[in-house]
C-alpha atoms as a PDB file:
ATOM      1  CA  UNK A   1     109.210  83.282  83.554  1.00  0.00           C
ATOM      2  CA  UNK A   2     108.145  86.385  85.003  1.00  0.00           C
ATOM      3  CA  UNK A   3     109.714  86.744  88.967  1.00  0.00           C
ATOM      4  CA  UNK A   4     107.426  88.436  91.477  1.00  0.00           C
ATOM      5  CA  UNK A   5     107.936  89.311  95.251  1.00  0.00           C
ATOM      6  CA  UNK A   6     104.413  89.802  97.019  1.00  0.00           C
ATOM      7  CA  UNK A   7     104.110  91.941 100.137  1.00  0.00           C
ATOM      8  CA  UNK A   8     102.544  90.661 102.995  1.00  0.00           C
ATOM      9  CA  UNK A   9      99.013  92.071 102.532  1.00  0.00           C
ATOM     10  CA  UNK A  10      99.367  90.584  98.943  1.00  0.00           C
ATOM     11  CA  UNK A  11      99.964  87.040 100.503  1.00  0.00           C
ATOM     12  CA  UNK A  12      97.055  87.699 102.564  1.00  0.00           C
ATOM     13  CA  UNK A  13      95.019  88.700  99.661  1.00  0.00           C
ATOM     14  CA  UNK A  14      95.674  85.559  97.986  1.00  0.00           C
ATOM     15  CA  UNK A  15      95.686  82.933 101.219  1.00  0.00           C
ATOM     16  CA  UNK A  16      93.257  84.271 103.401  1.00  0.00           C
ATOM     17  CA  UNK A  17      91.132  87.042 101.968  1.00  0.00           C
ATOM     18  CA  UNK A  18      90.564  85.682  98.330  1.00  0.00           C
ATOM     19  CA  UNK A  19      90.582  89.078  96.794  1.00  0.00           C
ATOM     20  CA  UNK A  20      89.376  88.765  93.394  1.00  0.00           C
ATOM     21  CA  UNK A  21      92.354  91.347  91.916  1.00  0.00           C
ATOM     22  CA  UNK A  22      94.757  88.386  93.176  1.00  0.00           C
ATOM     23  CA  UNK A  23      92.844  85.424  91.684  1.00  0.00           C
ATOM     24  CA  UNK A  24      94.933  85.342  88.478  1.00  0.00           C
ATOM     25  CA  UNK A  25      98.421  85.725  90.546  1.00  0.00           C
ATOM     26  CA  UNK A  26      97.267  82.763  92.767  1.00  0.00           C
ATOM     27  CA  UNK A  27      96.333  80.628  89.739  1.00  0.00           C
ATOM     28  CA  UNK A  28      99.623  81.533  87.906  1.00  0.00           C
ATOM     29  CA  UNK A  29     101.715  80.835  91.007  1.00  0.00           C
ATOM     30  CA  UNK A  30      99.935  77.245  91.489  1.00  0.00           C
ATOM     31  CA  UNK A  31     100.218  76.384  87.860  1.00  0.00           C
ATOM     32  CA  UNK A  32     103.978  77.392  88.010  1.00  0.00           C
ATOM     33  CA  UNK A  33     103.621  80.084  85.522  1.00  0.00           C
ATOM     34  CA  UNK A  34     105.380  82.550  87.579  1.00  0.00           C
ATOM     35  CA  UNK A  35     107.898  82.411  90.254  1.00  0.00           C
ATOM     36  CA  UNK A  36     107.629  84.120  93.697  1.00  0.00           C
ATOM     37  CA  UNK A  37     110.385  84.899  95.994  1.00  0.00           C
ATOM     38  CA  UNK A  38     110.725  85.531  99.696  1.00  0.00           C
ATOM     39  CA  UNK A  39     113.448  85.521 102.477  1.00  0.00           C
ATOM     40  CA  UNK A  40     113.587  85.314 106.158  1.00  0.00           C
ATOM     41  CA  UNK A  41     112.750  88.637 107.133  1.00  0.00           C
ATOM     42  CA  UNK A  42     109.496  88.521 104.809  1.00  0.00           C
ATOM     43  CA  UNK A  43     108.437  85.498 105.912  1.00  0.00           C
ATOM     44  CA  UNK A  44     109.081  86.457 109.656  1.00  0.00           C
ATOM     45  CA  UNK A  45     106.829  89.370 109.058  1.00  0.00           C
ATOM     46  CA  UNK A  46     104.207  86.880 107.479  1.00  0.00           C
ATOM     47  CA  UNK A  47     104.267  84.629 110.560  1.00  0.00           C
ATOM     48  CA  UNK A  48     103.662  87.871 113.068  1.00  0.00           C
ATOM     49  CA  UNK A  49     100.736  89.096 110.980  1.00  0.00           C
ATOM     50  CA  UNK A  50      99.069  85.760 110.682  1.00  0.00           C
ATOM     51  CA  UNK A  51      98.627  86.050 114.573  1.00  0.00           C
ATOM     52  CA  UNK A  52      96.729  89.477 114.155  1.00  0.00           C
ATOM     53  CA  UNK A  53      93.408  88.888 116.320  1.00  0.00           C
ATOM     54  CA  UNK A  54      91.524  90.654 113.446  1.00  0.00           C
ATOM     55  CA  UNK A  55      92.339  87.961 111.186  1.00  0.00           C
ATOM     56  CA  UNK A  56      90.319  85.334 113.597  1.00  0.00           C
ATOM     57  CA  UNK A  57      92.777  82.333 112.643  1.00  0.00           C
ATOM     58  CA  UNK A  58      92.959  79.442 114.519  1.00  0.00           C
ATOM     59  CA  UNK A  59      96.493  78.135 115.002  1.00  0.00           C
ATOM     60  CA  UNK A  60      95.786  75.316 112.383  1.00  0.00           C
ATOM     61  CA  UNK A  61      94.688  77.908 110.259  1.00  0.00           C
ATOM     62  CA  UNK A  62      98.019  79.903 110.674  1.00  0.00           C
ATOM     63  CA  UNK A  63     100.000  76.996 110.078  1.00  0.00           C
ATOM     64  CA  UNK A  64      98.164  76.025 106.900  1.00  0.00           C
ATOM     65  CA  UNK A  65      98.208  79.426 105.223  1.00  0.00           C
ATOM     66  CA  UNK A  66     102.097  79.777 106.142  1.00  0.00           C
ATOM     67  CA  UNK A  67     102.777  76.138 105.034  1.00  0.00           C
ATOM     68  CA  UNK A  68     100.993  76.662 101.780  1.00  0.00           C
ATOM     69  CA  UNK A  69     102.636  80.003 101.134  1.00  0.00           C
ATOM     70  CA  UNK A  70     106.312  78.735 101.820  1.00  0.00           C
ATOM     71  CA  UNK A  71     105.441  75.587  99.347  1.00  0.00           C
ATOM     72  CA  UNK A  72     104.812  77.705  96.481  1.00  0.00           C
ATOM     73  CA  UNK A  73     107.905  80.307  97.039  1.00  0.00           C
ATOM     74  CA  UNK A  74     111.444  80.172  96.395  1.00  0.00           C
ATOM     75  CA  UNK A  75     113.652  81.351  99.147  1.00  0.00           C
ATOM     76  CA  UNK A  76     116.445  84.017  98.672  1.00  0.00           C
ATOM     77  CA  UNK A  77     119.391  83.856 101.048  1.00  0.00           C
ATOM     78  CA  UNK A  78     120.262  86.824 102.920  1.00  0.00           C
ATOM     79  CA  UNK A  79     122.772  89.415 101.325  1.00  0.00           C
ATOM     80  CA  UNK A  80     123.491  92.738 100.375  1.00  0.00           C
ATOM     81  CA  UNK A  81     121.088  94.430  98.239  1.00  0.00           C
ATOM     82  CA  UNK A  82     122.427  97.275  95.607  1.00  0.00           C
ATOM     83  CA  UNK A  83     121.848 101.019  96.395  1.00  0.00           C
ATOM     84  CA  UNK A  84     118.059 101.431  96.425  1.00  0.00           C
ATOM     85  CA  UNK A  85     115.716 104.395  97.220  1.00  0.00           C
ATOM     86  CA  UNK A  86     114.737 104.410 101.241  1.00  0.00           C
ATOM     87  CA  UNK A  87     110.815 103.720 101.710  1.00  0.00           C
ATOM     88  CA  UNK A  88     109.321 106.217 103.830  1.00  0.00           C
ATOM     89  CA  UNK A  89     107.735 103.057 105.637  1.00  0.00           C
ATOM     90  CA  UNK A  90     111.090 101.085 107.052  1.00  0.00           C
ATOM     91  CA  UNK A  91     109.117  98.036 107.471  1.00  0.00           C
ATOM     92  CA  UNK A  92     108.639  97.928 103.639  1.00  0.00           C
ATOM     93  CA  UNK A  93     112.314  98.267 102.812  1.00  0.00           C
ATOM     94  CA  UNK A  94     112.854  94.520 103.009  1.00  0.00           C
ATOM     95  CA  UNK A  95     110.524  94.125 100.039  1.00  0.00           C
ATOM     96  CA  UNK A  96     112.312  96.516  97.867  1.00  0.00           C
ATOM     97  CA  UNK A  97     115.762  94.909  98.743  1.00  0.00           C
ATOM     98  CA  UNK A  98     114.442  91.306  98.326  1.00  0.00           C
ATOM     99  CA  UNK A  99     113.121  92.107  95.054  1.00  0.00           C
ATOM    100  CA  UNK A 100     116.587  93.702  93.701  1.00  0.00           C
ATOM    101  CA  UNK A 101     118.405  90.652  95.015  1.00  0.00           C
ATOM    102  CA  UNK A 102     116.052  87.898  93.599  1.00  0.00           C
ATOM    103  CA  UNK A 103     116.280  90.158  90.197  1.00  0.00           C
ATOM    104  CA  UNK A 104     112.392  90.356  90.256  1.00  0.00           C
ATOM    105  CA  UNK A 105     110.362  91.781  87.727  1.00  0.00           C
ATOM    106  CA  UNK A 106     107.335  92.685  89.481  1.00  0.00           C
ATOM    107  CA  UNK A 107     106.674  93.732  93.327  1.00  0.00           C
ATOM    108  CA  UNK A 108     103.052  93.549  94.276  1.00  0.00           C
ATOM    109  CA  UNK A 109     101.984  95.760  96.897  1.00  0.00           C
ATOM    110  CA  UNK A 110      99.113  97.811  97.886  1.00  0.00           C
ATOM    111  CA  UNK A 111     101.365  99.744 100.317  1.00  0.00           C
ATOM    112  CA  UNK A 112     101.189 103.580  99.654  1.00  0.00           C
ATOM    113  CA  UNK A 113     104.817 104.367 100.685  1.00  0.00           C
ATOM    114  CA  UNK A 114     106.059 101.412  98.173  1.00  0.00           C
ATOM    115  CA  UNK A 115     103.634 102.591  95.714  1.00  0.00           C
ATOM    116  CA  UNK A 116     104.860 106.159  95.805  1.00  0.00           C
ATOM    117  CA  UNK A 117     108.153 105.260  94.578  1.00  0.00           C
ATOM    118  CA  UNK A 118     106.916 104.353  91.033  1.00  0.00           C
ATOM    119  CA  UNK A 119     108.318 106.649  88.837  1.00  0.00           C
ATOM    120  CA  UNK A 120     110.293 108.737  91.419  1.00  0.00           C
ATOM    121  CA  UNK A 121     113.352 106.616  90.839  1.00  0.00           C
ATOM    122  CA  UNK A 122     114.943 104.238  88.499  1.00  0.00           C
ATOM    123  CA  UNK A 123     114.346 100.462  89.725  1.00  0.00           C
ATOM    124  CA  UNK A 124     115.010  97.413  88.038  1.00  0.00           C
ATOM    125  CA  UNK A 125     111.720  96.270  88.893  1.00  0.00           C
ATOM    126  CA  UNK A 126     108.074  97.415  88.608  1.00  0.00           C
ATOM    127  CA  UNK A 127     105.839  98.011  91.680  1.00  0.00           C
ATOM    128  CA  UNK A 128     102.283  97.448  91.060  1.00  0.00           C
ATOM    129  CA  UNK A 129      99.023  96.805  92.657  1.00  0.00           C
ATOM    130  CA  UNK A 130      97.577  93.101  92.392  1.00  0.00           C
ATOM    131  CA  UNK A 131      94.976  94.142  89.688  1.00  0.00           C
ATOM    132  CA  UNK A 132      98.031  95.405  87.787  1.00  0.00           C
ATOM    133  CA  UNK A 133      99.963  92.496  88.360  1.00  0.00           C
ATOM    134  CA  UNK A 134      97.179  90.045  87.104  1.00  0.00           C
ATOM    135  CA  UNK A 135      96.800  92.026  83.991  1.00  0.00           C
ATOM    136  CA  UNK A 136     100.458  91.407  83.564  1.00  0.00           C
ATOM    137  CA  UNK A 137     100.181  87.698  84.064  1.00  0.00           C
ATOM    138  CA  UNK A 138      96.989  87.358  81.765  1.00  0.00           C
ATOM    139  CA  UNK A 139      97.839  89.945  79.019  1.00  0.00           C
ATOM    140  CA  UNK A 140      94.775  91.519  79.545  1.00  0.00           C
ATOM    141  CA  UNK A 141      94.449  95.280  79.217  1.00  0.00           C
ATOM    142  CA  UNK A 142      91.414  96.012  81.774  1.00  0.00           C
END
């Protein structure tokens, strides 16, 4: 089973925006075809982002989205990550570290700083956009 880490923007694509690129990820997650992992730091960021006014979420909607995501992921205990490249955006380093700690196959992100690391360094996991992750899940080429 493929092991995924989703950055916060991708979680919003799944649980708030309904981004079509992320639909196969959501379907596979709900069907138990992939595993998604989070830790306290990534969940803390999600809780904080859900309060952003531009999302126009009521407290009930925030609670529902957080609870729904939390029910589908597996928690990874805090711990030391192996030596990793530094992400230019320090806020995104936690996603690299989580991916390494949980032996993820794929880190799904739209963040330019994370995506820039692809091909520049040797990682044990891929960093891909949601559309690419969806193709990995479905086996479709395009």
